[in-house]
Amino acid sequence: MHIHINRHLYQLSFSLQYLHTNYIFFRELLRTPSKSPKMKQWVEIVFIPSPGIGHLVSTVELAKLLLSRDDRLLITVLIMKFPFSSDPIDAYIESFADSSISHRIKFINLPQQNIETQGNSTINFLNFSGTQKTNVKDVVAKLIESKTETRLAGFVIDMFCTSMIDVANELGVPTYVFFTSSAASLGVLLHLQALRDDQNKDYLEFNDSTADLVIPSYANPLPARVLPGILFEKEGGNGFLNLAKRIRDVKGILINTMTELESHALLSLSSDGKLPPVYPVGPILNVKSDDNNDQVDSKQSKQTSDILKWLDDQPPSSVVFLCFGSMGSFSEDQVKEIARALEQGGFRFLWSLRQPPPKGKIGVPSDYADHTGVLPEGFLDQTAGVGKVIGWAPQVAILSHPAVGGFVSHCGWNSTLESLWFGVPVATWPLYAEQQQNAFQLVRELGIAVEIDMSYRKDGPIVVTAEKIQSGIKELMDLDSDIRKRVKQVSDNSKKALMDGGSSYASLGHFIDQI
């Protein structure tokens, strides 16, 4: 009942806000002298995602959705890359070459910038996009000059690119933020930023605290132990909250979520008098199968084929899939505990096991040349009939396969939305960033996941025991659980939200009207 009331209050609040916006628009329209009809005017939006394939894909999927809704729109996506990245960004972009929207979406690679390797790595990451401000200004200025019949309507930026608000202001156009995580996690950042700036409270006091915090975007008290670890690096925490502060300066916030999933959090954001309009437009996903040859190389295509062939031989909803995102990896001690849990529990499993980068080096996990060195002796032989250990994983293709019945996940927001889309329940094992908050929201707020560990941190001293892992997977794979039924309902809601008449469809329409 509480969730339903919140949802209706939110929708009422949003509708009143929308009516007010339209009133102003039509009032100004009536004041404007009529002119003779003109040909259709193109409207350009510049998208600036953060580096990394995860941020890029959801941003481009939003761009595609906008292009499908209004044929007056043109979109240019400015691409930043980390120098150490191995993401398949170029292959992903090339997949648009022959698409029906290729004439209305353009990708521009910004000049390569090195990321500082000395000092605070968090600050270096937060400052990375700022090194591109001059390049962005030059590129967009040329864009304006070359398209005299096109109006630049504004920037849509990632939250980590808020320095680009300065560039948009110089060019005299509005900025919108596309927040690629949950509305609840945005609420945490804005709440802590307001405590710091408006009430002069030191949020660092929550470090190692056992306190439960009252935060408007959560219906239940939030344990301090699930706050992002970055907040407790003094420099990094302040830098992070400074990004949140700048979000208050934009003209609107698009969030990759839907009203049916986060009604409470969205209502709390719409009630914040210092925040611009919020547009829940999700779930924004690329649910096209990963085995599309245009997007993966021949090696990955072969890997996908082998994985799907193995899954084809498994009973429906019988396989637990373990995968921890593009940055997910574990110590050898932790790997052995996972292996023990899988073997002792007798589970059918598909395990994406990645090798951490060398200690002290910035990088992303890679595939092991040979898994046997890190796994317990005899594990592969003992589980040969029921399990498969892989490296890189075509996650969408796997989650959409009928043999998969559960997902042990790091709770990254994209992965969370994908699992919900396909109706696959999650066992939470967060690693970094806001993933601990996501895990809390899934388990305690929404009741659509089981917990393996909610406050685990990738670089922390804790090793989760085999017994705890086994217990979580056993609960996850219960085919008659209430959690599984609720996940099925969320899956249905996800698809309805994007259909004509759905909540996210309507919200995106409001944004297009604003543009």
Protein backbone atom coordinates (compact mmCIF):
# COMPACT_ATOMS: atom_id res chain seq x y z
CA MET A 1 0.00 0.00 0.00
CA HIS A 2 2.83 2.37 0.95
CA ILE A 3 4.53 1.86 -2.44
CA HIS A 4 1.28 2.37 -4.37
CA ILE A 5 0.51 5.64 -2.55
CA ASN A 6 4.03 6.90 -3.16
CA ARG A 7 3.77 6.04 -6.84
CA HIS A 8 0.47 7.90 -7.24
CA LEU A 9 1.79 10.92 -5.33
CA TYR A 10 4.86 10.95 -7.53
CA GLN A 11 2.82 10.73 -10.71
CA LEU A 12 0.55 13.56 -9.49
CA SER A 13 3.56 15.70 -8.62
CA PHE A 14 5.13 15.02 -12.02
CA SER A 15 1.88 15.78 -13.85
CA LEU A 16 1.46 19.14 -12.07
CA GLN A 17 5.05 20.02 -12.89
CA TYR A 18 4.47 19.08 -16.53
CA LEU A 19 1.23 21.12 -16.76
CA HIS A 20 3.04 24.16 -15.37
CA THR A 21 5.83 23.77 -17.94
CA ASN A 22 3.29 23.50 -20.76
CA TYR A 23 1.37 26.54 -19.48
CA ILE A 24 4.53 28.65 -19.71
CA PHE A 25 5.36 27.22 -23.13
CA PHE A 26 1.96 27.97 -24.65
CA ARG A 27 1.78 31.41 -23.00
CA GLU A 28 5.05 32.37 -24.68
CA LEU A 29 3.90 30.78 -27.94
CA LEU A 30 0.77 32.97 -28.02
CA ARG A 31 2.92 36.06 -27.48
CA THR A 32 5.11 35.20 -30.47
CA PRO A 33 4.01 36.68 -33.85
CA SER A 34 3.01 34.00 -36.32
CA LYS A 35 5.38 33.26 -39.17
CA SER A 36 4.95 31.49 -42.44
CA PRO A 37 5.48 27.72 -42.32
CA LYS A 38 9.07 26.55 -42.66
CA MET A 39 10.71 23.28 -43.47
CA LYS A 40 11.39 20.95 -40.56
CA GLN A 41 14.22 22.26 -38.38
CA TRP A 42 16.79 19.79 -37.13
CA VAL A 43 17.56 19.83 -33.43
CA GLU A 44 20.97 18.60 -32.25
CA ILE A 45 21.82 17.14 -28.83
CA VAL A 46 25.42 16.50 -27.78
CA PHE A 47 25.87 13.45 -25.53
CA ILE A 48 28.98 13.15 -23.33
CA PRO A 49 29.23 9.78 -21.56
CA SER A 50 31.93 8.83 -19.06
CA PRO A 51 34.74 6.59 -20.29
CA GLY A 52 33.96 2.88 -20.23
CA ILE A 53 31.66 0.60 -22.19
CA GLY A 54 29.08 0.36 -19.38
CA HIS A 55 28.41 4.11 -19.37
CA LEU A 56 28.67 4.39 -23.16
CA VAL A 57 26.16 1.62 -23.97
CA SER A 58 23.38 2.91 -21.71
CA THR A 59 23.98 6.47 -23.00
CA VAL A 60 23.80 5.40 -26.64
CA GLU A 61 20.72 3.26 -25.97
CA LEU A 62 19.05 6.40 -24.59
CA ALA A 63 20.13 8.28 -27.71
CA LYS A 64 18.60 5.57 -29.92
CA LEU A 65 15.35 5.76 -27.97
CA LEU A 66 15.19 9.53 -28.47
CA LEU A 67 15.86 9.21 -32.20
CA SER A 68 13.07 6.64 -32.53
CA ARG A 69 10.61 9.01 -30.82
CA ASP A 70 11.24 12.20 -32.81
CA ASP A 71 12.52 12.44 -36.38
CA ARG A 72 13.68 16.05 -35.92
CA LEU A 73 16.50 15.02 -33.59
CA LEU A 74 20.17 14.60 -34.44
CA ILE A 75 22.65 13.32 -31.85
CA THR A 76 26.43 13.57 -31.62
CA VAL A 77 28.18 11.38 -29.04
CA LEU A 78 31.62 12.51 -27.85
CA ILE A 79 33.79 9.54 -26.87
CA MET A 80 36.43 9.66 -24.13
CA LYS A 81 38.70 6.65 -23.58
CA PHE A 82 41.02 5.66 -20.77
CA PRO A 83 44.52 4.94 -22.12
CA PHE A 84 44.54 1.51 -20.41
CA SER A 85 41.04 0.48 -21.51
CA SER A 86 40.43 -2.72 -23.44
CA ASP A 87 36.69 -2.08 -23.84
CA PRO A 88 35.27 -3.00 -27.28
CA ILE A 89 34.14 0.59 -27.84
CA ASP A 90 35.19 0.83 -31.49
CA ALA A 91 33.39 -2.42 -32.40
CA TYR A 92 30.25 -1.21 -30.64
CA ILE A 93 30.29 2.10 -32.54
CA GLU A 94 30.94 0.38 -35.87
CA SER A 95 27.76 -1.66 -35.34
CA PHE A 96 25.77 1.52 -36.11
CA ALA A 97 27.28 2.01 -39.57
CA ASP A 98 24.49 0.22 -41.45
CA SER A 99 21.64 0.92 -39.03
CA SER A 100 18.50 2.85 -39.96
CA ILE A 101 19.54 5.75 -37.70
CA SER A 102 23.17 6.01 -38.89
CA HIS A 103 22.45 9.33 -40.66
CA ARG A 104 21.14 10.88 -37.43
CA ILE A 105 23.75 9.71 -34.90
CA LYS A 106 27.42 10.60 -35.09
CA PHE A 107 30.36 9.49 -32.91
CA ILE A 108 33.44 11.65 -32.43
CA ASN A 109 36.50 10.34 -30.61
CA LEU A 110 38.04 13.07 -28.47
CA PRO A 111 41.86 13.27 -28.43
CA GLN A 112 43.44 10.75 -26.09
CA GLN A 113 44.31 12.14 -22.66
CA ASN A 114 46.54 10.40 -20.14
CA ILE A 115 45.18 9.80 -16.67
CA GLU A 116 47.47 10.85 -13.83
CA THR A 117 49.00 7.76 -12.22
CA GLN A 118 50.50 9.51 -9.21
CA GLY A 119 48.61 10.62 -6.09
CA ASN A 120 44.97 9.90 -5.26
CA SER A 121 43.56 7.56 -7.92
CA THR A 122 39.98 8.60 -7.11
CA ILE A 123 40.72 12.30 -7.63
CA ASN A 124 42.60 11.45 -10.84
CA PHE A 125 39.53 9.61 -12.13
CA LEU A 126 37.11 12.39 -11.12
CA ASN A 127 39.32 14.97 -12.85
CA PHE A 128 39.79 12.94 -16.02
CA SER A 129 36.80 14.31 -17.95
CA GLY A 130 37.81 17.87 -17.06
CA THR A 131 40.94 17.47 -19.16
CA GLN A 132 38.68 17.33 -22.22
CA LYS A 133 36.85 20.65 -21.73
CA THR A 134 38.85 22.54 -24.38
CA ASN A 135 38.53 19.68 -26.86
CA VAL A 136 34.77 19.47 -26.30
CA LYS A 137 34.36 23.21 -26.78
CA ASP A 138 36.34 23.10 -30.04
CA VAL A 139 34.42 20.10 -31.40
CA VAL A 140 31.00 21.54 -30.58
CA ALA A 141 31.91 24.99 -31.94
CA LYS A 142 32.83 23.37 -35.26
CA LEU A 143 29.63 21.36 -35.13
CA ILE A 144 27.57 24.55 -34.80
CA GLU A 145 29.45 26.23 -37.66
CA SER A 146 29.00 23.26 -39.99
CA LYS A 147 25.24 22.89 -39.41
CA THR A 148 23.69 26.30 -39.99
CA GLU A 149 20.20 24.82 -40.39
CA THR A 150 20.42 22.93 -37.11
CA ARG A 151 19.70 24.26 -33.62
CA LEU A 152 21.89 23.01 -30.77
CA ALA A 153 19.37 22.13 -28.04
CA GLY A 154 21.85 21.24 -25.31
CA PHE A 155 24.20 18.73 -23.73
CA VAL A 156 23.25 15.43 -22.10
CA ILE A 157 26.16 14.48 -19.85
CA ASP A 158 27.13 11.70 -17.48
CA MET A 159 27.33 12.63 -13.80
CA PHE A 160 31.13 12.24 -13.93
CA CYS A 161 31.26 14.87 -16.68
CA THR A 162 29.68 17.79 -14.82
CA SER A 163 32.70 19.97 -15.70
CA MET A 164 31.11 20.12 -19.17
CA ILE A 165 28.34 22.32 -17.72
CA ASP A 166 30.88 25.16 -18.02
CA VAL A 167 31.29 24.47 -21.74
CA ALA A 168 27.52 24.40 -22.31
CA ASN A 169 27.15 27.68 -20.40
CA GLU A 170 29.81 29.31 -22.58
CA LEU A 171 27.93 28.16 -25.67
CA GLY A 172 24.63 29.38 -24.22
CA VAL A 173 22.83 26.02 -24.21
CA PRO A 174 21.27 24.02 -21.33
CA THR A 175 22.75 20.89 -19.78
CA TYR A 176 20.89 17.74 -18.72
CA VAL A 177 22.39 14.89 -16.71
CA PHE A 178 21.82 11.23 -17.55
CA PHE A 179 22.26 9.41 -14.24
CA THR A 180 23.13 5.82 -15.09
CA SER A 181 22.46 4.37 -11.64
CA SER A 182 19.43 4.26 -9.36
CA ALA A 183 17.29 7.16 -8.17
CA ALA A 184 17.90 6.00 -4.59
CA SER A 185 21.68 6.26 -4.94
CA LEU A 186 21.36 9.74 -6.45
CA GLY A 187 19.28 10.64 -3.40
CA VAL A 188 22.14 9.54 -1.10
CA LEU A 189 24.68 11.75 -2.87
CA LEU A 190 22.40 14.78 -2.83
CA HIS A 191 21.50 14.22 0.83
CA LEU A 192 25.13 13.96 1.96
CA GLN A 193 26.06 16.96 -0.19
CA ALA A 194 23.29 19.01 1.44
CA LEU A 195 24.45 17.91 4.92
CA ARG A 196 27.97 19.09 4.09
CA ASP A 197 27.12 22.37 2.35
CA ASP A 198 23.87 23.51 3.98
CA GLN A 199 24.24 22.15 7.51
CA ASN A 200 28.05 22.04 7.77
CA LYS A 201 27.98 18.39 8.92
CA ASP A 202 30.97 16.12 8.44
CA TYR A 203 29.82 13.07 6.53
CA LEU A 204 33.19 11.40 7.29
CA GLU A 205 31.84 10.59 10.75
CA PHE A 206 29.91 7.74 9.11
CA ASN A 207 33.15 5.92 8.24
CA ASP A 208 33.27 2.55 10.06
CA SER A 209 30.00 3.51 11.74
CA THR A 210 27.37 0.98 12.74
CA ALA A 211 24.69 3.67 12.57
CA ASP A 212 21.55 3.47 10.45
CA LEU A 213 20.95 6.67 8.51
CA VAL A 214 17.61 8.27 7.67
CA ILE A 215 17.89 9.26 4.01
CA PRO A 216 14.79 10.49 2.12
CA SER A 217 15.35 8.31 -0.96
CA TYR A 218 15.08 5.11 1.13
CA ALA A 219 11.95 3.95 2.95
CA ASN A 220 14.09 2.08 5.50
CA PRO A 221 17.11 3.34 7.48
CA LEU A 222 20.28 2.86 5.43
CA PRO A 223 23.25 1.21 7.22
CA ALA A 224 26.31 3.46 7.04
CA ARG A 225 28.40 0.41 6.14
CA VAL A 226 26.81 0.26 2.65
CA LEU A 227 27.72 3.84 1.71
CA PRO A 228 30.22 4.03 -1.20
CA GLY A 229 33.78 3.60 0.03
CA ILE A 230 34.87 6.55 -2.10
CA LEU A 231 33.04 8.90 0.26
CA PHE A 232 35.46 8.09 3.06
CA GLU A 233 38.56 9.13 1.17
CA LYS A 234 38.53 12.78 2.28
CA GLU A 235 39.68 14.24 -1.04
CA GLY A 236 37.77 11.72 -3.12
CA GLY A 237 34.62 12.07 -1.04
CA ASN A 238 34.57 15.84 -1.38
CA GLY A 239 35.23 15.53 -5.11
CA PHE A 240 32.35 13.09 -5.45
CA LEU A 241 29.92 15.32 -3.55
CA ASN A 242 31.04 18.31 -5.61
CA LEU A 243 29.82 16.43 -8.69
CA ALA A 244 26.48 15.92 -6.94
CA LYS A 245 26.29 19.62 -6.11
CA ARG A 246 26.71 20.55 -9.76
CA ILE A 247 23.82 18.28 -10.72
CA ARG A 248 21.59 20.85 -9.01
CA ASP A 249 22.69 23.38 -11.66
CA VAL A 250 21.39 21.49 -14.70
CA LYS A 251 18.02 21.90 -16.42
CA GLY A 252 16.85 18.32 -15.91
CA ILE A 253 17.93 14.86 -14.73
CA LEU A 254 17.25 11.72 -16.75
CA ILE A 255 17.54 8.57 -14.61
CA ASN A 256 17.88 5.00 -15.80
CA THR A 257 14.98 3.71 -13.73
CA MET A 258 11.19 3.47 -13.77
CA THR A 259 8.44 4.70 -11.47
CA GLU A 260 7.17 1.16 -10.78
CA LEU A 261 10.59 0.14 -9.39
CA GLU A 262 11.62 3.24 -7.44
CA SER A 263 8.45 5.14 -6.61
CA HIS A 264 9.64 6.11 -3.12
CA ALA A 265 13.05 7.39 -4.28
CA LEU A 266 11.57 9.32 -7.21
CA LEU A 267 8.97 10.94 -4.98
CA SER A 268 11.71 12.07 -2.59
CA LEU A 269 13.69 13.62 -5.47
CA SER A 270 10.64 15.41 -6.86
CA SER A 271 10.03 16.83 -3.37
CA ASP A 272 13.51 18.39 -3.23
CA GLY A 273 12.85 22.07 -3.89
CA LYS A 274 16.43 22.70 -5.04
CA LEU A 275 16.48 20.00 -7.70
CA PRO A 276 15.59 20.39 -11.41
CA PRO A 277 12.88 18.20 -13.00
CA VAL A 278 13.56 14.45 -12.88
CA TYR A 279 12.73 12.14 -15.80
CA PRO A 280 12.69 8.38 -15.05
CA VAL A 281 13.22 6.91 -18.53
CA GLY A 282 14.42 3.35 -17.90
CA PRO A 283 15.18 0.61 -18.03
CA ILE A 284 17.62 1.73 -20.74
CA LEU A 285 19.35 -1.47 -21.86
CA ASN A 286 21.00 -3.06 -24.84
CA VAL A 287 19.10 -6.34 -24.75
CA LYS A 288 20.30 -7.33 -28.20
CA SER A 289 22.18 -10.62 -27.82
CA ASP A 290 25.95 -10.30 -27.28
CA ASP A 291 26.65 -12.90 -29.96
CA ASN A 292 25.93 -10.35 -32.70
CA ASN A 293 29.04 -10.60 -34.86
CA ASP A 294 29.06 -6.86 -35.49
CA GLN A 295 29.76 -6.15 -31.81
CA VAL A 296 32.16 -8.90 -30.75
CA ASP A 297 35.30 -10.34 -32.32
CA SER A 298 35.49 -13.86 -33.74
CA LYS A 299 37.08 -15.23 -30.55
CA GLN A 300 34.24 -13.91 -28.40
CA SER A 301 31.69 -15.12 -30.94
CA LYS A 302 33.14 -18.65 -30.62
CA GLN A 303 33.10 -18.36 -26.81
CA THR A 304 29.45 -17.27 -26.88
CA SER A 305 28.53 -20.19 -29.13
CA ASP A 306 30.23 -22.69 -26.81
CA ILE A 307 28.53 -21.21 -23.72
CA LEU A 308 25.06 -21.20 -25.25
CA LYS A 309 25.52 -24.74 -26.55
CA TRP A 310 26.37 -25.87 -22.99
CA LEU A 311 23.33 -24.04 -21.60
CA ASP A 312 21.11 -25.68 -24.21
CA ASP A 313 21.89 -29.03 -22.57
CA GLN A 314 20.81 -27.88 -19.06
CA PRO A 315 17.28 -28.14 -17.60
CA PRO A 316 15.14 -24.95 -17.41
CA SER A 317 15.99 -22.53 -14.56
CA SER A 318 18.62 -24.95 -13.20
CA VAL A 319 21.87 -22.99 -13.66
CA VAL A 320 23.25 -20.35 -11.32
CA PHE A 321 25.27 -17.74 -13.24
CA LEU A 322 28.14 -16.05 -11.37
CA CYS A 323 29.46 -12.86 -12.95
CA PHE A 324 30.85 -9.69 -11.38
CA GLY A 325 31.04 -7.10 -14.13
CA SER A 326 33.85 -5.72 -16.27
CA MET A 327 35.86 -4.77 -13.14
CA GLY A 328 35.02 -7.81 -11.02
CA SER A 329 37.74 -10.13 -9.74
CA PHE A 330 38.74 -11.84 -6.49
CA SER A 331 41.80 -12.95 -4.54
CA GLU A 332 42.84 -16.60 -4.79
CA ASP A 333 41.55 -17.26 -1.26
CA GLN A 334 38.11 -15.96 -2.20
CA VAL A 335 38.09 -17.91 -5.47
CA LYS A 336 38.70 -21.12 -3.55
CA GLU A 337 35.77 -20.41 -1.18
CA ILE A 338 33.44 -19.86 -4.17
CA ALA A 339 34.65 -23.12 -5.70
CA ARG A 340 34.05 -25.02 -2.43
CA ALA A 341 30.51 -23.61 -2.21
CA LEU A 342 29.66 -24.67 -5.76
CA GLU A 343 31.11 -28.16 -5.36
CA GLN A 344 29.63 -28.87 -1.92
CA GLY A 345 26.22 -27.47 -2.90
CA GLY A 346 26.08 -29.62 -6.02
CA PHE A 347 24.78 -26.65 -8.04
CA ARG A 348 24.68 -26.45 -11.80
CA PHE A 349 26.74 -23.34 -12.47
CA LEU A 350 28.26 -21.07 -15.10
CA TRP A 351 31.07 -19.04 -13.53
CA SER A 352 32.77 -16.04 -15.15
CA LEU A 353 36.16 -16.09 -13.40
CA ARG A 354 38.51 -13.19 -14.20
CA GLN A 355 42.12 -12.49 -13.26
CA PRO A 356 42.81 -9.28 -11.26
CA PRO A 357 45.28 -6.75 -12.70
CA PRO A 358 48.78 -6.87 -11.16
CA LYS A 359 48.88 -5.39 -7.66
CA GLY A 360 49.45 -1.64 -7.64
CA LYS A 361 48.67 -1.27 -11.37
CA ILE A 362 45.68 0.52 -12.87
CA GLY A 363 43.86 -1.84 -15.17
CA VAL A 364 40.89 -4.12 -15.72
CA PRO A 365 40.56 -7.86 -15.07
CA SER A 366 41.51 -10.23 -17.87
CA ASP A 367 40.85 -13.86 -18.72
CA TYR A 368 43.09 -16.48 -17.11
CA ALA A 369 45.28 -18.37 -19.55
CA ASP A 370 44.52 -21.44 -17.40
CA HIS A 371 41.96 -21.60 -14.57
CA THR A 372 43.49 -24.66 -12.93
CA GLY A 373 46.19 -22.66 -11.16
CA VAL A 374 43.73 -20.61 -9.13
CA LEU A 375 41.03 -23.26 -8.50
CA PRO A 376 41.23 -26.00 -5.85
CA GLU A 377 42.92 -29.18 -7.05
CA GLY A 378 40.43 -31.52 -8.70
CA PHE A 379 37.59 -28.95 -8.78
CA LEU A 380 37.15 -28.96 -12.55
CA ASP A 381 37.09 -32.77 -12.65
CA GLN A 382 34.62 -33.02 -9.75
CA THR A 383 32.18 -30.53 -11.32
CA ALA A 384 32.65 -31.45 -14.98
CA GLY A 385 29.14 -32.82 -15.31
CA VAL A 386 27.29 -29.84 -13.85
CA GLY A 387 29.51 -26.75 -14.09
CA LYS A 388 31.40 -24.60 -16.56
CA VAL A 389 34.12 -22.05 -15.73
CA ILE A 390 34.58 -19.32 -18.33
CA GLY A 391 36.37 -15.99 -18.66
CA TRP A 392 34.60 -13.17 -20.48
CA ALA A 393 30.82 -13.65 -20.39
CA PRO A 394 28.15 -12.59 -22.92
CA GLN A 395 25.91 -11.52 -20.06
CA VAL A 396 22.74 -10.59 -21.95
CA ALA A 397 22.77 -13.82 -23.97
CA ILE A 398 23.24 -15.82 -20.77
CA LEU A 399 20.60 -14.04 -18.68
CA SER A 400 18.06 -14.43 -21.48
CA HIS A 401 18.66 -18.21 -21.72
CA PRO A 402 15.87 -20.35 -20.21
CA ALA A 403 18.37 -22.61 -18.41
CA VAL A 404 19.54 -19.76 -16.15
CA GLY A 405 17.60 -19.62 -12.87
CA GLY A 406 19.69 -17.27 -10.71
CA PHE A 407 22.41 -14.65 -10.92
CA VAL A 408 25.17 -14.09 -8.33
CA SER A 409 25.99 -10.49 -9.15
CA HIS A 410 28.07 -7.48 -8.09
CA CYS A 411 24.83 -5.44 -8.33
CA GLY A 412 26.06 -2.89 -10.84
CA TRP A 413 22.98 -0.99 -11.95
CA ASN A 414 23.13 -2.11 -15.61
CA SER A 415 23.44 -5.75 -14.53
CA THR A 416 20.62 -5.29 -12.03
CA LEU A 417 18.28 -3.91 -14.68
CA GLU A 418 19.25 -6.68 -17.12
CA SER A 419 18.51 -9.41 -14.59
CA LEU A 420 15.16 -7.83 -13.73
CA TRP A 421 14.31 -7.43 -17.43
CA PHE A 422 14.80 -11.16 -17.99
CA GLY A 423 13.12 -12.13 -14.71
CA VAL A 424 16.25 -13.70 -13.19
CA PRO A 425 16.53 -13.22 -9.39
CA VAL A 426 19.83 -11.99 -7.93
CA ALA A 427 22.04 -12.99 -5.01
CA THR A 428 23.90 -9.85 -3.98
CA TRP A 429 27.70 -9.66 -3.80
CA PRO A 430 28.68 -5.99 -4.31
CA LEU A 431 32.31 -4.98 -4.85
CA TYR A 432 32.70 -1.20 -5.14
CA ALA A 433 31.09 2.18 -5.98
CA GLU A 434 27.36 2.33 -5.15
CA GLN A 435 26.87 -1.44 -5.48
CA GLN A 436 26.47 -1.98 -1.73
CA GLN A 437 23.54 0.49 -1.77
CA ASN A 438 22.04 -1.31 -4.75
CA ALA A 439 22.28 -4.59 -2.84
CA PHE A 440 20.52 -3.05 0.18
CA GLN A 441 17.78 -1.66 -2.05
CA LEU A 442 17.20 -4.99 -3.81
CA VAL A 443 17.13 -7.05 -0.60
CA ARG A 444 15.62 -4.78 2.06
CA GLU A 445 13.71 -2.08 0.19
CA LEU A 446 12.22 -4.07 -2.67
CA GLY A 447 12.41 -7.72 -1.54
CA ILE A 448 13.54 -8.93 -4.96
CA ALA A 449 16.96 -10.40 -4.14
CA VAL A 450 18.71 -12.62 -1.61
CA GLU A 451 21.85 -11.64 0.25
CA ILE A 452 25.21 -13.35 0.07
CA ASP A 453 27.01 -10.32 1.46
CA MET A 454 25.68 -6.77 1.37
CA SER A 455 28.68 -4.82 2.66
CA TYR A 456 31.56 -6.70 1.01
CA ARG A 457 34.25 -4.43 -0.48
CA LYS A 458 36.64 -5.51 -3.19
CA ASP A 459 39.82 -4.35 -1.47
CA GLY A 460 38.70 -5.17 2.06
CA PRO A 461 40.08 -7.90 4.35
CA ILE A 462 36.91 -10.05 4.43
CA VAL A 463 36.79 -13.45 2.74
CA VAL A 464 33.20 -14.69 2.40
CA THR A 465 33.01 -18.32 3.51
CA ALA A 466 31.90 -21.20 1.36
CA GLU A 467 29.08 -21.92 3.81
CA LYS A 468 27.66 -18.40 3.45
CA ILE A 469 27.93 -18.51 -0.34
CA GLN A 470 26.32 -21.96 -0.49
CA SER A 471 23.42 -20.84 1.73
CA GLY A 472 22.77 -17.76 -0.44
CA ILE A 473 22.81 -19.73 -3.69
CA LYS A 474 20.48 -22.37 -2.25
CA GLU A 475 17.95 -19.67 -1.33
CA LEU A 476 18.42 -18.01 -4.72
CA MET A 477 17.64 -21.20 -6.65
CA ASP A 478 14.36 -21.95 -4.82
CA LEU A 479 11.97 -22.04 -7.76
CA ASP A 480 8.87 -21.49 -5.59
CA SER A 481 10.10 -18.47 -3.62
CA ASP A 482 8.13 -15.24 -3.23
CA ILE A 483 11.24 -13.37 -4.43
CA ARG A 484 11.08 -15.16 -7.78
CA LYS A 485 7.40 -14.22 -8.16
CA ARG A 486 8.12 -10.56 -7.37
CA VAL A 487 11.00 -10.50 -9.86
CA LYS A 488 8.64 -11.83 -12.55
CA GLN A 489 6.26 -8.94 -11.81
CA VAL A 490 9.10 -6.40 -12.05
CA SER A 491 10.14 -7.98 -15.35
CA ASP A 492 6.64 -7.44 -16.74
CA ASN A 493 6.60 -3.85 -15.43
CA SER A 494 9.96 -3.14 -17.06
CA LYS A 495 8.60 -3.90 -20.50
CA LYS A 496 5.30 -2.07 -19.95
CA ALA A 497 7.12 1.08 -18.75
CA LEU A 498 8.76 1.53 -22.16
CA MET A 499 5.63 0.86 -24.21
CA ASP A 500 3.35 3.58 -25.52
CA GLY A 501 1.32 4.65 -22.49
CA GLY A 502 3.92 3.37 -20.03
CA SER A 503 5.45 5.51 -17.28
CA SER A 504 8.94 5.81 -18.80
CA TYR A 505 7.52 6.33 -22.30
CA ALA A 506 5.52 9.29 -21.00
CA SER A 507 8.48 10.66 -19.03
CA LEU A 508 10.74 10.57 -22.09
CA GLY A 509 8.00 12.39 -24.02
CA HIS A 510 8.02 15.15 -21.39
CA PHE A 511 11.79 15.47 -21.85
CA ILE A 512 11.46 15.70 -25.64
CA ASP A 513 8.87 18.47 -25.19
CA GLN A 514 11.36 20.29 -22.96
CA ILE A 515 14.13 19.94 -25.55
